[in-house]
PDB file of N, CA and C in Angstrom:
ATOM      1  N   UNK A   1       5.306   8.594   6.830  1.00  0.00           N
ATOM      2  CA  UNK A   1       5.934   7.318   6.540  1.00  0.00           C
ATOM      3  C   UNK A   1       6.758   7.480   5.257  1.00  0.00           C
ATOM      4  N   UNK A   2       8.010   7.122   5.344  1.00  0.00           N
ATOM      5  CA  UNK A   2       8.887   7.246   4.177  1.00  0.00           C
ATOM      6  C   UNK A   2       8.543   6.185   3.132  1.00  0.00           C
ATOM      7  N   UNK A   3       9.052   6.362   1.945  1.00  0.00           N
ATOM      8  CA  UNK A   3       8.831   5.384   0.876  1.00  0.00           C
ATOM      9  C   UNK A   3       9.384   4.031   1.292  1.00  0.00           C
ATOM     10  N   UNK A   4      10.588   4.014   1.850  1.00  0.00           N
ATOM     11  CA  UNK A   4      11.198   2.744   2.263  1.00  0.00           C
ATOM     12  C   UNK A   4      10.381   2.043   3.344  1.00  0.00           C
ATOM     13  N   UNK A   5       9.883   2.806   4.304  1.00  0.00           N
ATOM     14  CA  UNK A   5       9.048   2.221   5.354  1.00  0.00           C
ATOM     15  C   UNK A   5       7.759   1.659   4.763  1.00  0.00           C
ATOM     16  N   UNK A   6       7.179   2.398   3.831  1.00  0.00           N
ATOM     17  CA  UNK A   6       5.947   1.953   3.182  1.00  0.00           C
ATOM     18  C   UNK A   6       6.174   0.664   2.395  1.00  0.00           C
ATOM     19  N   UNK A   7       7.236   0.618   1.612  1.00  0.00           N
ATOM     20  CA  UNK A   7       7.547  -0.581   0.810  1.00  0.00           C
ATOM     21  C   UNK A   7       7.772  -1.772   1.733  1.00  0.00           C
ATOM     22  N   UNK A   8       8.478  -1.554   2.832  1.00  0.00           N
ATOM     23  CA  UNK A   8       8.729  -2.637   3.787  1.00  0.00           C
ATOM     24  C   UNK A   8       7.417  -3.133   4.397  1.00  0.00           C
ATOM     25  N   UNK A   9       6.527  -2.211   4.745  1.00  0.00           N
ATOM     26  CA  UNK A   9       5.238  -2.588   5.324  1.00  0.00           C
ATOM     27  C   UNK A   9       4.402  -3.389   4.327  1.00  0.00           C
ATOM     28  N   UNK A  10       4.333  -2.911   3.095  1.00  0.00           N
ATOM     29  CA  UNK A  10       3.565  -3.618   2.062  1.00  0.00           C
ATOM     30  C   UNK A  10       4.162  -5.004   1.832  1.00  0.00           C
ATOM     31  N   UNK A  11       5.479  -5.087   1.770  1.00  0.00           N
ATOM     32  CA  UNK A  11       6.144  -6.380   1.571  1.00  0.00           C
ATOM     33  C   UNK A  11       5.843  -7.334   2.725  1.00  0.00           C
ATOM     34  N   UNK A  12       5.903  -6.814   3.948  1.00  0.00           N
ATOM     35  CA  UNK A  12       5.620  -7.647   5.120  1.00  0.00           C
ATOM     36  C   UNK A  12       4.185  -8.149   5.118  1.00  0.00           C
ATOM     37  N   UNK A  13       3.249  -7.280   4.771  1.00  0.00           N
ATOM     38  CA  UNK A  13       1.833  -7.648   4.797  1.00  0.00           C
ATOM     39  C   UNK A  13       1.439  -8.578   3.651  1.00  0.00           C
ATOM     40  N   UNK A  14       2.083  -8.430   2.514  1.00  0.00           N
ATOM     41  CA  UNK A  14       1.698  -9.220   1.342  1.00  0.00           C
ATOM     42  C   UNK A  14       2.585 -10.444   1.122  1.00  0.00           C
ATOM     43  N   UNK A  15       3.776 -10.421   1.699  1.00  0.00           N
ATOM     44  CA  UNK A  15       4.725 -11.494   1.446  1.00  0.00           C
ATOM     45  C   UNK A  15       5.397 -11.370   0.087  1.00  0.00           C
ATOM     46  N   UNK A  16       5.151 -10.252  -0.588  1.00  0.00           N
ATOM     47  CA  UNK A  16       5.736 -10.019  -1.907  1.00  0.00           C
ATOM     48  C   UNK A  16       7.073  -9.300  -1.753  1.00  0.00           C
ATOM     49  N   UNK A  17       7.967  -9.568  -2.656  1.00  0.00           N
ATOM     50  CA  UNK A  17       9.243  -8.869  -2.677  1.00  0.00           C
ATOM     51  C   UNK A  17       9.076  -7.621  -3.537  1.00  0.00           C
ATOM     52  N   UNK A  18       8.996  -6.461  -2.884  1.00  0.00           N
ATOM     53  CA  UNK A  18       8.744  -5.203  -3.582  1.00  0.00           C
ATOM     54  C   UNK A  18       9.905  -4.242  -3.390  1.00  0.00           C
ATOM     55  N   UNK A  19      10.025  -3.326  -4.336  1.00  0.00           N
ATOM     56  CA  UNK A  19      11.004  -2.251  -4.252  1.00  0.00           C
ATOM     57  C   UNK A  19      10.297  -0.935  -4.549  1.00  0.00           C
ATOM     58  N   UNK A  20      10.978   0.167  -4.300  1.00  0.00           N
ATOM     59  CA  UNK A  20      10.375   1.485  -4.503  1.00  0.00           C
ATOM     60  C   UNK A  20       9.879   1.668  -5.933  1.00  0.00           C
ATOM     61  N   UNK A  21      10.565   1.075  -6.908  1.00  0.00           N
ATOM     62  CA  UNK A  21      10.133   1.188  -8.310  1.00  0.00           C
ATOM     63  C   UNK A  21       8.745   0.597  -8.548  1.00  0.00           C
ATOM     64  N   UNK A  22       8.347  -0.345  -7.703  1.00  0.00           N
ATOM     65  CA  UNK A  22       7.040  -0.990  -7.858  1.00  0.00           C
ATOM     66  C   UNK A  22       5.879  -0.066  -7.491  1.00  0.00           C
ATOM     67  N   UNK A  23       6.166   1.058  -6.866  1.00  0.00           N
ATOM     68  CA  UNK A  23       5.097   1.969  -6.457  1.00  0.00           C
ATOM     69  C   UNK A  23       4.373   2.587  -7.641  1.00  0.00           C
ATOM     70  N   UNK A  24       5.008   2.607  -8.796  1.00  0.00           N
ATOM     71  CA  UNK A  24       4.371   3.207  -9.971  1.00  0.00           C
ATOM     72  C   UNK A  24       3.659   2.171 -10.843  1.00  0.00           C
ATOM     73  N   UNK A  25       3.780   0.912 -10.494  1.00  0.00           N
ATOM     74  CA  UNK A  25       3.142  -0.157 -11.257  1.00  0.00           C
ATOM     75  C   UNK A  25       1.673  -0.268 -10.873  1.00  0.00           C
ATOM     76  N   UNK A  26       0.817  -0.395 -11.868  1.00  0.00           N
ATOM     77  CA  UNK A  26      -0.608  -0.584 -11.610  1.00  0.00           C
ATOM     78  C   UNK A  26      -0.800  -1.828 -10.748  1.00  0.00           C
ATOM     79  N   UNK A  27      -1.688  -1.743  -9.768  1.00  0.00           N
ATOM     80  CA  UNK A  27      -1.908  -2.883  -8.873  1.00  0.00           C
ATOM     81  C   UNK A  27      -2.244  -4.157  -9.644  1.00  0.00           C
ATOM     82  N   UNK A  28      -3.027  -4.022 -10.714  1.00  0.00           N
ATOM     83  CA  UNK A  28      -3.399  -5.189 -11.520  1.00  0.00           C
ATOM     84  C   UNK A  28      -2.201  -5.820 -12.206  1.00  0.00           C
ATOM     85  N   UNK A  29      -1.122  -5.057 -12.373  1.00  0.00           N
ATOM     86  CA  UNK A  29       0.064  -5.560 -13.060  1.00  0.00           C
ATOM     87  C   UNK A  29       1.129  -6.100 -12.107  1.00  0.00           C
ATOM     88  N   UNK A  30       0.913  -5.946 -10.799  1.00  0.00           N
ATOM     89  CA  UNK A  30       1.874  -6.477  -9.834  1.00  0.00           C
ATOM     90  C   UNK A  30       1.706  -7.991  -9.732  1.00  0.00           C
ATOM     91  N   UNK A  31       2.751  -8.700 -10.045  1.00  0.00           N
ATOM     92  CA  UNK A  31       2.704 -10.169  -9.993  1.00  0.00           C
ATOM     93  C   UNK A  31       2.397 -10.623  -8.569  1.00  0.00           C
ATOM     94  N   UNK A  32       1.332 -11.376  -8.425  1.00  0.00           N
ATOM     95  CA  UNK A  32       0.959 -11.922  -7.137  1.00  0.00           C
ATOM     96  C   UNK A  32       0.040 -11.046  -6.303  1.00  0.00           C
ATOM     97  N   UNK A  33      -0.278  -9.833  -6.787  1.00  0.00           N
ATOM     98  CA  UNK A  33      -1.147  -8.944  -6.010  1.00  0.00           C
ATOM     99  C   UNK A  33      -2.548  -9.503  -5.958  1.00  0.00           C
ATOM    100  N   UNK A  34      -3.161  -9.405  -4.809  1.00  0.00           N
ATOM    101  CA  UNK A  34      -4.516  -9.898  -4.587  1.00  0.00           C
ATOM    102  C   UNK A  34      -5.275  -8.807  -3.828  1.00  0.00           C
ATOM    103  N   UNK A  35      -6.539  -8.663  -4.100  1.00  0.00           N
ATOM    104  CA  UNK A  35      -7.318  -7.608  -3.444  1.00  0.00           C
ATOM    105  C   UNK A  35      -7.353  -7.769  -1.927  1.00  0.00           C
ATOM    106  N   UNK A  36      -7.159  -8.972  -1.438  1.00  0.00           N
ATOM    107  CA  UNK A  36      -7.120  -9.191   0.011  1.00  0.00           C
ATOM    108  C   UNK A  36      -5.946  -8.425   0.623  1.00  0.00           C
ATOM    109  N   UNK A  37      -4.860  -8.287  -0.136  1.00  0.00           N
ATOM    110  CA  UNK A  37      -3.705  -7.536   0.352  1.00  0.00           C
ATOM    111  C   UNK A  37      -4.075  -6.086   0.628  1.00  0.00           C
ATOM    112  N   UNK A  38      -4.995  -5.545  -0.131  1.00  0.00           N
ATOM    113  CA  UNK A  38      -5.418  -4.165   0.081  1.00  0.00           C
ATOM    114  C   UNK A  38      -6.067  -4.011   1.454  1.00  0.00           C
ATOM    115  N   UNK A  39      -6.868  -4.972   1.843  1.00  0.00           N
ATOM    116  CA  UNK A  39      -7.508  -4.928   3.157  1.00  0.00           C
ATOM    117  C   UNK A  39      -6.478  -5.091   4.271  1.00  0.00           C
ATOM    118  N   UNK A  40      -5.544  -6.010   4.073  1.00  0.00           N
ATOM    119  CA  UNK A  40      -4.480  -6.197   5.059  1.00  0.00           C
ATOM    120  C   UNK A  40      -3.635  -4.937   5.175  1.00  0.00           C
ATOM    121  N   UNK A  41      -3.356  -4.320   4.030  1.00  0.00           N
ATOM    122  CA  UNK A  41      -2.558  -3.104   4.019  1.00  0.00           C
ATOM    123  C   UNK A  41      -3.290  -1.974   4.730  1.00  0.00           C
ATOM    124  N   UNK A  42      -4.565  -1.831   4.489  1.00  0.00           N
ATOM    125  CA  UNK A  42      -5.362  -0.802   5.156  1.00  0.00           C
ATOM    126  C   UNK A  42      -5.277  -0.966   6.674  1.00  0.00           C
ATOM    127  N   UNK A  43      -5.463  -2.171   7.154  1.00  0.00           N
ATOM    128  CA  UNK A  43      -5.391  -2.423   8.600  1.00  0.00           C
ATOM    129  C   UNK A  43      -4.010  -2.097   9.152  1.00  0.00           C
ATOM    130  N   UNK A  44      -2.976  -2.523   8.438  1.00  0.00           N
ATOM    131  CA  UNK A  44      -1.603  -2.278   8.904  1.00  0.00           C
ATOM    132  C   UNK A  44      -1.268  -0.786   8.896  1.00  0.00           C
ATOM    133  N   UNK A  45      -1.724  -0.079   7.868  1.00  0.00           N
ATOM    134  CA  UNK A  45      -1.453   1.354   7.785  1.00  0.00           C
ATOM    135  C   UNK A  45      -2.166   2.117   8.884  1.00  0.00           C
ATOM    136  N   UNK A  46      -3.394   1.733   9.164  1.00  0.00           N
ATOM    137  CA  UNK A  46      -4.131   2.401  10.235  1.00  0.00           C
ATOM    138  C   UNK A  46      -3.479   2.122  11.585  1.00  0.00           C
ATOM    139  N   UNK A  47      -3.004   0.890  11.790  1.00  0.00           N
ATOM    140  CA  UNK A  47      -2.326   0.555  13.043  1.00  0.00           C
ATOM    141  C   UNK A  47      -1.004   1.308  13.166  1.00  0.00           C
ATOM    142  N   UNK A  48      -0.277   1.409  12.074  1.00  0.00           N
ATOM    143  CA  UNK A  48       1.027   2.090  12.095  1.00  0.00           C
ATOM    144  C   UNK A  48       0.877   3.592  12.266  1.00  0.00           C
ATOM    145  N   UNK A  49      -0.163   4.146  11.661  1.00  0.00           N
ATOM    146  CA  UNK A  49      -0.349   5.594  11.710  1.00  0.00           C
ATOM    147  C   UNK A  49      -1.202   6.075  12.860  1.00  0.00           C
ATOM    148  N   UNK A  50      -1.941   5.166  13.460  1.00  0.00           N
ATOM    149  CA  UNK A  50      -2.774   5.536  14.584  1.00  0.00           C
ATOM    150  C   UNK A  50      -4.047   6.271  14.219  1.00  0.00           C
ATOM    151  N   UNK A  51      -4.342   6.361  12.909  1.00  0.00           N
ATOM    152  CA  UNK A  51      -5.580   7.035  12.508  1.00  0.00           C
ATOM    153  C   UNK A  51      -6.143   6.385  11.257  1.00  0.00           C
ATOM    154  N   UNK A  52      -7.373   6.734  10.941  1.00  0.00           N
ATOM    155  CA  UNK A  52      -8.036   6.163   9.780  1.00  0.00           C
ATOM    156  C   UNK A  52      -7.567   6.778   8.478  1.00  0.00           C
ATOM    157  N   UNK A  53      -7.814   6.059   7.409  1.00  0.00           N
ATOM    158  CA  UNK A  53      -7.498   6.529   6.064  1.00  0.00           C
ATOM    159  C   UNK A  53      -8.798   6.677   5.292  1.00  0.00           C
ATOM    160  N   UNK A  54      -8.810   7.533   4.276  1.00  0.00           N
ATOM    161  CA  UNK A  54     -10.012   7.670   3.444  1.00  0.00           C
ATOM    162  C   UNK A  54     -10.190   6.416   2.576  1.00  0.00           C
ATOM    163  N   UNK A  55     -11.057   5.530   3.016  1.00  0.00           N
ATOM    164  CA  UNK A  55     -11.209   4.220   2.391  1.00  0.00           C
ATOM    165  C   UNK A  55     -11.605   4.331   0.924  1.00  0.00           C
ATOM    166  N   UNK A  56     -12.498   5.241   0.589  1.00  0.00           N
ATOM    167  CA  UNK A  56     -12.920   5.380  -0.805  1.00  0.00           C
ATOM    168  C   UNK A  56     -11.734   5.741  -1.692  1.00  0.00           C
ATOM    169  N   UNK A  57     -10.912   6.682  -1.243  1.00  0.00           N
ATOM    170  CA  UNK A  57      -9.730   7.059  -2.027  1.00  0.00           C
ATOM    171  C   UNK A  57      -8.743   5.899  -2.116  1.00  0.00           C
ATOM    172  N   UNK A  58      -8.625   5.145  -1.043  1.00  0.00           N
ATOM    173  CA  UNK A  58      -7.749   3.972  -1.051  1.00  0.00           C
ATOM    174  C   UNK A  58      -8.231   2.966  -2.089  1.00  0.00           C
ATOM    175  N   UNK A  59      -9.521   2.722  -2.128  1.00  0.00           N
ATOM    176  CA  UNK A  59     -10.083   1.759  -3.088  1.00  0.00           C
ATOM    177  C   UNK A  59      -9.966   2.243  -4.530  1.00  0.00           C
ATOM    178  N   UNK A  60      -9.947   3.564  -4.720  1.00  0.00           N
ATOM    179  CA  UNK A  60      -9.818   4.131  -6.062  1.00  0.00           C
ATOM    180  C   UNK A  60      -8.368   4.189  -6.537  1.00  0.00           C
ATOM    181  N   UNK A  61      -7.429   3.969  -5.631  1.00  0.00           N
ATOM    182  CA  UNK A  61      -6.007   4.042  -5.971  1.00  0.00           C
ATOM    183  C   UNK A  61      -5.638   2.950  -6.963  1.00  0.00           C
ATOM    184  N   UNK A  62      -4.844   3.331  -7.954  1.00  0.00           N
ATOM    185  CA  UNK A  62      -4.434   2.384  -8.992  1.00  0.00           C
ATOM    186  C   UNK A  62      -3.025   1.844  -8.763  1.00  0.00           C
ATOM    187  N   UNK A  63      -2.251   2.531  -7.915  1.00  0.00           N
ATOM    188  CA  UNK A  63      -0.879   2.101  -7.655  1.00  0.00           C
ATOM    189  C   UNK A  63      -0.589   2.189  -6.154  1.00  0.00           C
ATOM    190  N   UNK A  64       0.467   1.512  -5.755  1.00  0.00           N
ATOM    191  CA  UNK A  64       0.906   1.625  -4.363  1.00  0.00           C
ATOM    192  C   UNK A  64       1.405   3.034  -4.081  1.00  0.00           C
ATOM    193  N   UNK A  65       1.928   3.703  -5.093  1.00  0.00           N
ATOM    194  CA  UNK A  65       2.374   5.079  -4.939  1.00  0.00           C
ATOM    195  C   UNK A  65       1.228   6.007  -4.566  1.00  0.00           C
ATOM    196  N   UNK A  66       0.075   5.796  -5.172  1.00  0.00           N
ATOM    197  CA  UNK A  66      -1.103   6.600  -4.826  1.00  0.00           C
ATOM    198  C   UNK A  66      -1.526   6.327  -3.397  1.00  0.00           C
ATOM    199  N   UNK A  67      -1.413   5.091  -2.972  1.00  0.00           N
ATOM    200  CA  UNK A  67      -1.757   4.754  -1.582  1.00  0.00           C
ATOM    201  C   UNK A  67      -0.745   5.409  -0.644  1.00  0.00           C
ATOM    202  N   UNK A  68       0.522   5.372  -1.016  1.00  0.00           N
ATOM    203  CA  UNK A  68       1.533   6.024  -0.174  1.00  0.00           C
ATOM    204  C   UNK A  68       1.247   7.514  -0.045  1.00  0.00           C
ATOM    205  N   UNK A  69       0.829   8.150  -1.111  1.00  0.00           N
ATOM    206  CA  UNK A  69       0.496   9.580  -1.060  1.00  0.00           C
ATOM    207  C   UNK A  69      -0.623   9.847  -0.050  1.00  0.00           C
ATOM    208  N   UNK A  70      -1.598   8.953   0.024  1.00  0.00           N
ATOM    209  CA  UNK A  70      -2.673   9.102   1.000  1.00  0.00           C
ATOM    210  C   UNK A  70      -2.123   9.021   2.421  1.00  0.00           C
ATOM    211  N   UNK A  71      -1.190   8.118   2.625  1.00  0.00           N
ATOM    212  CA  UNK A  71      -0.608   7.915   3.946  1.00  0.00           C
ATOM    213  C   UNK A  71       0.296   9.086   4.328  1.00  0.00           C
ATOM    214  N   UNK A  72       1.103   9.518   3.367  1.00  0.00           N
ATOM    215  CA  UNK A  72       2.066  10.594   3.621  1.00  0.00           C
ATOM    216  C   UNK A  72       1.384  11.938   3.760  1.00  0.00           C
ATOM    217  N   UNK A  73       0.181  12.022   3.165  1.00  0.00           N
ATOM    218  CA  UNK A  73      -0.660  13.197   3.244  1.00  0.00           C
ATOM    219  C   UNK A  73      -0.034  14.436   2.801  1.00  0.00           C
TER     220      UNK A  73
END
């Protein structure tokens, strides 16, 4: 999944207006970010990729960029 595809997916799932630069921002610092979005994102990523993700690593991720790295593998 490309960075642009990932940003679009996160934006669609969260309703937030995000750009690639936001991938380096700490999740706690993203305006409007809620932990529920992480669960929605996990479900959407698994559906888009057709396979599971390492949930523990996902939960330990501090930025969307780290989550993208898990997806891009």
